[in-house]
Amino acid sequence: MPNLEELRNCFPATENEFMGLLIDDEKCVGCGICVVVCEENRMNEEVIYGKGGRYNDELVLMIKEGRVRLLDVKQCKRAFDPPEFCRACIDHCPTSAIEFLSQT
């Protein structure tokens, strides 16, 4: 499992400052619940109509190759200026595969 330093290396410094998102591939079963409950994703027609699957710059998360993938962390409510509190993907994940790491 990556540590916070490894996560920081994955994202540019500006993205690190507001959040760290960890998706555990070992726990993810690819159910897609996180994709559907994400408010920012639901604003996308592909997700609303259950088509999903296509790449879209406006999506936060999507299922690709059977696992959830972070597409654009800047689309997450926690990345807004000011940040908005949201734990929808975490709270609805049946396998606890998603977590936010505090940036301390």
N, C-alpha and C. Protein backbone atom coordinates (compact mmCIF):
# COMPACT_ATOMS: atom_id res chain seq x y z
N MET A 1 0.86 -1.17 0.00
CA MET A 1 0.00 0.00 0.00
C MET A 1 0.91 1.24 0.00
N PRO A 2 0.63 2.22 -0.90
CA PRO A 2 1.50 3.39 -0.96
C PRO A 2 1.40 4.23 0.31
N ASN A 3 2.50 4.85 0.67
CA ASN A 3 2.46 5.76 1.80
C ASN A 3 2.21 7.17 1.28
N LEU A 4 2.08 8.14 2.18
CA LEU A 4 1.76 9.51 1.80
C LEU A 4 2.82 10.09 0.88
N GLU A 5 4.08 9.80 1.12
CA GLU A 5 5.15 10.32 0.27
C GLU A 5 5.02 9.79 -1.15
N GLU A 6 4.70 8.52 -1.32
CA GLU A 6 4.51 7.96 -2.65
C GLU A 6 3.32 8.61 -3.34
N LEU A 7 2.25 8.88 -2.58
CA LEU A 7 1.08 9.53 -3.14
C LEU A 7 1.42 10.94 -3.61
N ARG A 8 2.21 11.65 -2.83
CA ARG A 8 2.63 13.00 -3.23
C ARG A 8 3.41 12.97 -4.53
N ASN A 9 4.18 11.94 -4.75
CA ASN A 9 4.94 11.82 -5.99
C ASN A 9 4.05 11.56 -7.20
N CYS A 10 2.86 11.03 -6.96
CA CYS A 10 1.94 10.73 -8.06
C CYS A 10 1.19 11.96 -8.56
N PHE A 11 1.03 12.96 -7.71
CA PHE A 11 0.27 14.15 -8.07
C PHE A 11 1.17 15.37 -8.01
N PRO A 12 0.95 16.36 -8.88
CA PRO A 12 1.71 17.60 -8.78
C PRO A 12 1.50 18.26 -7.42
N ALA A 13 2.44 19.07 -7.00
CA ALA A 13 2.40 19.69 -5.67
C ALA A 13 1.12 20.46 -5.43
N THR A 14 0.58 21.14 -6.43
CA THR A 14 -0.63 21.92 -6.23
C THR A 14 -1.81 21.02 -5.88
N GLU A 15 -1.84 19.81 -6.41
CA GLU A 15 -2.94 18.90 -6.08
C GLU A 15 -2.75 18.28 -4.70
N ASN A 16 -1.51 18.10 -4.28
CA ASN A 16 -1.25 17.53 -2.95
C ASN A 16 -1.74 18.41 -1.83
N GLU A 17 -1.74 19.70 -2.07
CA GLU A 17 -2.02 20.63 -0.99
C GLU A 17 -3.44 20.49 -0.45
N PHE A 18 -4.38 20.04 -1.26
CA PHE A 18 -5.75 20.00 -0.77
C PHE A 18 -6.24 18.62 -0.42
N MET A 19 -5.65 17.57 -0.94
CA MET A 19 -6.16 16.24 -0.61
C MET A 19 -5.22 15.14 -1.04
N GLY A 20 -5.40 14.00 -0.44
CA GLY A 20 -4.73 12.80 -0.89
C GLY A 20 -5.80 11.73 -0.99
N LEU A 21 -5.90 11.08 -2.10
CA LEU A 21 -6.91 10.05 -2.31
C LEU A 21 -6.20 8.74 -2.55
N LEU A 22 -6.57 7.74 -1.78
CA LEU A 22 -5.96 6.43 -1.92
C LEU A 22 -7.03 5.43 -2.34
N ILE A 23 -6.78 4.74 -3.44
CA ILE A 23 -7.66 3.68 -3.91
C ILE A 23 -6.88 2.38 -3.81
N ASP A 24 -7.38 1.46 -3.01
CA ASP A 24 -6.71 0.19 -2.80
C ASP A 24 -7.22 -0.83 -3.82
N ASP A 25 -6.41 -1.12 -4.83
CA ASP A 25 -6.79 -2.07 -5.88
C ASP A 25 -7.06 -3.47 -5.33
N GLU A 26 -6.43 -3.80 -4.23
CA GLU A 26 -6.64 -5.13 -3.64
C GLU A 26 -8.07 -5.28 -3.10
N LYS A 27 -8.64 -4.16 -2.62
CA LYS A 27 -9.98 -4.20 -2.04
C LYS A 27 -11.08 -3.89 -3.06
N CYS A 28 -10.76 -3.12 -4.09
CA CYS A 28 -11.77 -2.70 -5.07
C CYS A 28 -12.27 -3.91 -5.86
N VAL A 29 -13.61 -4.03 -5.93
CA VAL A 29 -14.22 -5.12 -6.69
C VAL A 29 -14.84 -4.62 -8.00
N GLY A 30 -14.69 -3.32 -8.28
CA GLY A 30 -15.19 -2.76 -9.53
C GLY A 30 -16.69 -2.64 -9.61
N CYS A 31 -17.37 -2.49 -8.47
CA CYS A 31 -18.83 -2.43 -8.46
C CYS A 31 -19.38 -1.15 -9.07
N GLY A 32 -18.62 -0.06 -9.03
CA GLY A 32 -19.04 1.20 -9.63
C GLY A 32 -19.91 2.08 -8.75
N ILE A 33 -20.15 1.68 -7.52
CA ILE A 33 -20.98 2.48 -6.63
C ILE A 33 -20.37 3.87 -6.43
N CYS A 34 -19.07 3.94 -6.26
CA CYS A 34 -18.40 5.23 -6.04
C CYS A 34 -18.60 6.17 -7.23
N VAL A 35 -18.60 5.62 -8.43
CA VAL A 35 -18.78 6.41 -9.65
C VAL A 35 -20.17 7.02 -9.68
N VAL A 36 -21.17 6.23 -9.28
CA VAL A 36 -22.56 6.67 -9.34
C VAL A 36 -22.91 7.65 -8.22
N VAL A 37 -22.36 7.47 -7.01
CA VAL A 37 -22.71 8.34 -5.89
C VAL A 37 -21.96 9.67 -5.92
N CYS A 38 -20.92 9.78 -6.70
CA CYS A 38 -20.16 11.02 -6.79
C CYS A 38 -21.01 12.10 -7.46
N GLU A 39 -21.30 13.18 -6.73
CA GLU A 39 -22.14 14.26 -7.27
C GLU A 39 -21.55 14.86 -8.53
N GLU A 40 -20.25 15.03 -8.56
CA GLU A 40 -19.61 15.62 -9.73
C GLU A 40 -19.72 14.68 -10.93
N ASN A 41 -19.62 13.39 -10.71
CA ASN A 41 -19.81 12.43 -11.80
C ASN A 41 -21.25 12.43 -12.29
N ARG A 42 -22.21 12.58 -11.38
CA ARG A 42 -23.62 12.53 -11.76
C ARG A 42 -24.02 13.69 -12.65
N MET A 43 -23.21 14.73 -12.68
CA MET A 43 -23.50 15.86 -13.56
C MET A 43 -23.14 15.52 -15.01
N ASN A 44 -22.55 14.38 -15.22
CA ASN A 44 -22.14 13.94 -16.55
C ASN A 44 -23.20 13.02 -17.13
N GLU A 45 -23.67 13.29 -18.35
CA GLU A 45 -24.75 12.51 -18.96
C GLU A 45 -24.43 11.03 -19.11
N GLU A 46 -23.18 10.69 -19.39
CA GLU A 46 -22.81 9.28 -19.56
C GLU A 46 -23.10 8.49 -18.28
N VAL A 47 -22.85 9.11 -17.13
CA VAL A 47 -23.09 8.44 -15.85
C VAL A 47 -24.58 8.44 -15.54
N ILE A 48 -25.25 9.56 -15.77
CA ILE A 48 -26.68 9.67 -15.47
C ILE A 48 -27.47 8.57 -16.18
N TYR A 49 -27.16 8.33 -17.44
CA TYR A 49 -27.91 7.36 -18.22
C TYR A 49 -27.34 5.95 -18.15
N GLY A 50 -26.39 5.74 -17.25
CA GLY A 50 -25.87 4.40 -17.02
C GLY A 50 -24.95 3.88 -18.11
N LYS A 51 -24.52 4.76 -18.99
CA LYS A 51 -23.64 4.33 -20.08
C LYS A 51 -22.20 4.26 -19.61
N GLY A 52 -21.77 5.28 -18.90
CA GLY A 52 -20.41 5.32 -18.34
C GLY A 52 -19.36 4.76 -19.27
N GLY A 53 -18.23 4.44 -18.74
CA GLY A 53 -17.19 3.76 -19.48
C GLY A 53 -16.35 4.61 -20.40
N ARG A 54 -16.90 5.65 -20.98
CA ARG A 54 -16.12 6.50 -21.86
C ARG A 54 -15.29 7.48 -21.05
N TYR A 55 -14.12 7.80 -21.57
CA TYR A 55 -13.29 8.78 -20.88
C TYR A 55 -13.89 10.15 -21.06
N ASN A 56 -13.91 10.93 -20.01
CA ASN A 56 -14.42 12.29 -20.05
C ASN A 56 -13.60 13.11 -19.07
N ASP A 57 -13.10 14.25 -19.50
CA ASP A 57 -12.27 15.10 -18.64
C ASP A 57 -13.00 15.56 -17.39
N GLU A 58 -14.32 15.54 -17.39
CA GLU A 58 -15.07 16.06 -16.26
C GLU A 58 -15.37 15.01 -15.20
N LEU A 59 -15.02 13.77 -15.42
CA LEU A 59 -15.27 12.73 -14.44
C LEU A 59 -14.19 12.71 -13.37
N VAL A 60 -14.60 12.45 -12.15
CA VAL A 60 -13.65 12.27 -11.05
C VAL A 60 -13.17 10.83 -11.04
N LEU A 61 -14.11 9.90 -11.06
CA LEU A 61 -13.82 8.47 -10.98
C LEU A 61 -14.51 7.72 -12.11
N MET A 62 -13.93 6.61 -12.52
CA MET A 62 -14.60 5.70 -13.44
C MET A 62 -14.06 4.29 -13.24
N ILE A 63 -14.81 3.31 -13.69
CA ILE A 63 -14.35 1.92 -13.63
C ILE A 63 -13.64 1.62 -14.94
N LYS A 64 -12.42 1.15 -14.82
CA LYS A 64 -11.63 0.80 -16.00
C LYS A 64 -10.90 -0.49 -15.69
N GLU A 65 -11.02 -1.46 -16.57
CA GLU A 65 -10.39 -2.76 -16.39
C GLU A 65 -10.78 -3.40 -15.05
N GLY A 66 -12.04 -3.21 -14.67
CA GLY A 66 -12.56 -3.86 -13.47
C GLY A 66 -12.21 -3.21 -12.15
N ARG A 67 -11.60 -2.03 -12.18
CA ARG A 67 -11.22 -1.34 -10.94
C ARG A 67 -11.54 0.15 -11.06
N VAL A 68 -11.80 0.79 -9.92
CA VAL A 68 -12.04 2.23 -9.93
C VAL A 68 -10.72 2.95 -10.22
N ARG A 69 -10.81 3.98 -11.04
CA ARG A 69 -9.65 4.79 -11.39
C ARG A 69 -9.96 6.25 -11.17
N LEU A 70 -9.02 6.97 -10.60
CA LEU A 70 -9.13 8.40 -10.42
C LEU A 70 -8.75 9.06 -11.74
N LEU A 71 -9.68 9.82 -12.33
CA LEU A 71 -9.40 10.46 -13.61
C LEU A 71 -8.89 11.88 -13.42
N ASP A 72 -9.63 12.67 -12.64
CA ASP A 72 -9.24 14.07 -12.48
C ASP A 72 -9.57 14.52 -11.06
N VAL A 73 -8.56 14.52 -10.22
CA VAL A 73 -8.75 14.89 -8.81
C VAL A 73 -9.25 16.33 -8.68
N LYS A 74 -8.97 17.19 -9.65
CA LYS A 74 -9.41 18.59 -9.58
C LYS A 74 -10.92 18.72 -9.72
N GLN A 75 -11.59 17.69 -10.22
CA GLN A 75 -13.05 17.72 -10.35
C GLN A 75 -13.75 17.34 -9.04
N CYS A 76 -13.01 16.79 -8.10
CA CYS A 76 -13.56 16.40 -6.80
C CYS A 76 -13.95 17.63 -5.99
N LYS A 77 -15.08 17.56 -5.29
CA LYS A 77 -15.55 18.68 -4.47
C LYS A 77 -14.50 19.12 -3.44
N ARG A 78 -13.71 18.16 -2.98
CA ARG A 78 -12.68 18.49 -1.99
C ARG A 78 -11.57 19.34 -2.58
N ALA A 79 -11.52 19.43 -3.90
CA ALA A 79 -10.49 20.22 -4.58
C ALA A 79 -10.98 21.62 -4.93
N PHE A 80 -12.25 21.90 -4.70
CA PHE A 80 -12.79 23.21 -5.05
C PHE A 80 -12.17 24.30 -4.18
N ASP A 81 -12.31 25.53 -4.59
CA ASP A 81 -11.81 26.67 -3.82
C ASP A 81 -13.00 27.56 -3.48
N PRO A 82 -13.48 27.51 -2.24
CA PRO A 82 -13.00 26.71 -1.12
C PRO A 82 -13.46 25.25 -1.25
N PRO A 83 -12.74 24.34 -0.58
CA PRO A 83 -13.10 22.92 -0.64
C PRO A 83 -14.48 22.66 -0.04
N GLU A 84 -15.19 21.70 -0.58
CA GLU A 84 -16.48 21.28 -0.04
C GLU A 84 -16.31 19.90 0.58
N PHE A 85 -16.90 19.72 1.76
CA PHE A 85 -16.80 18.44 2.44
C PHE A 85 -17.62 17.41 1.67
N CYS A 86 -17.03 16.30 1.35
CA CYS A 86 -17.73 15.21 0.68
C CYS A 86 -17.00 13.91 0.98
N ARG A 87 -17.77 12.89 1.32
CA ARG A 87 -17.22 11.55 1.55
C ARG A 87 -18.07 10.50 0.85
N ALA A 88 -18.80 10.90 -0.16
CA ALA A 88 -19.75 9.98 -0.81
C ALA A 88 -19.07 8.71 -1.29
N CYS A 89 -17.96 8.84 -1.98
CA CYS A 89 -17.29 7.64 -2.52
C CYS A 89 -16.79 6.74 -1.39
N ILE A 90 -16.29 7.34 -0.33
CA ILE A 90 -15.77 6.57 0.81
C ILE A 90 -16.92 5.89 1.55
N ASP A 91 -17.94 6.66 1.87
CA ASP A 91 -19.04 6.15 2.69
C ASP A 91 -19.86 5.06 2.00
N HIS A 92 -19.88 5.04 0.68
CA HIS A 92 -20.68 4.06 -0.05
C HIS A 92 -19.89 2.87 -0.57
N CYS A 93 -18.58 2.91 -0.44
CA CYS A 93 -17.76 1.80 -0.93
C CYS A 93 -17.96 0.58 -0.02
N PRO A 94 -18.49 -0.52 -0.57
CA PRO A 94 -18.78 -1.69 0.26
C PRO A 94 -17.53 -2.43 0.75
N THR A 95 -16.38 -2.16 0.15
CA THR A 95 -15.16 -2.86 0.54
C THR A 95 -14.12 -1.95 1.19
N SER A 96 -14.49 -0.69 1.44
CA SER A 96 -13.57 0.30 2.04
C SER A 96 -12.28 0.44 1.23
N ALA A 97 -12.42 0.45 -0.09
CA ALA A 97 -11.25 0.54 -0.98
C ALA A 97 -10.78 1.97 -1.19
N ILE A 98 -11.58 2.96 -0.78
CA ILE A 98 -11.23 4.37 -1.00
C ILE A 98 -11.09 5.07 0.33
N GLU A 99 -10.04 5.85 0.46
CA GLU A 99 -9.87 6.67 1.66
C GLU A 99 -9.13 7.94 1.32
N PHE A 100 -9.38 8.97 2.11
CA PHE A 100 -8.64 10.22 1.98
C PHE A 100 -7.59 10.25 3.07
N LEU A 101 -6.41 10.66 2.71
CA LEU A 101 -5.32 10.77 3.67
C LEU A 101 -5.18 12.23 4.07
N SER A 102 -5.05 12.49 5.35
CA SER A 102 -4.87 13.87 5.78
C SER A 102 -3.49 14.35 5.37
N GLN A 103 -3.40 15.61 5.05
CA GLN A 103 -2.14 16.21 4.61
C GLN A 103 -1.51 16.94 5.79
N THR A 104 -0.98 16.20 6.74
CA THR A 104 -0.37 16.82 7.91
C THR A 104 1.12 16.75 7.84
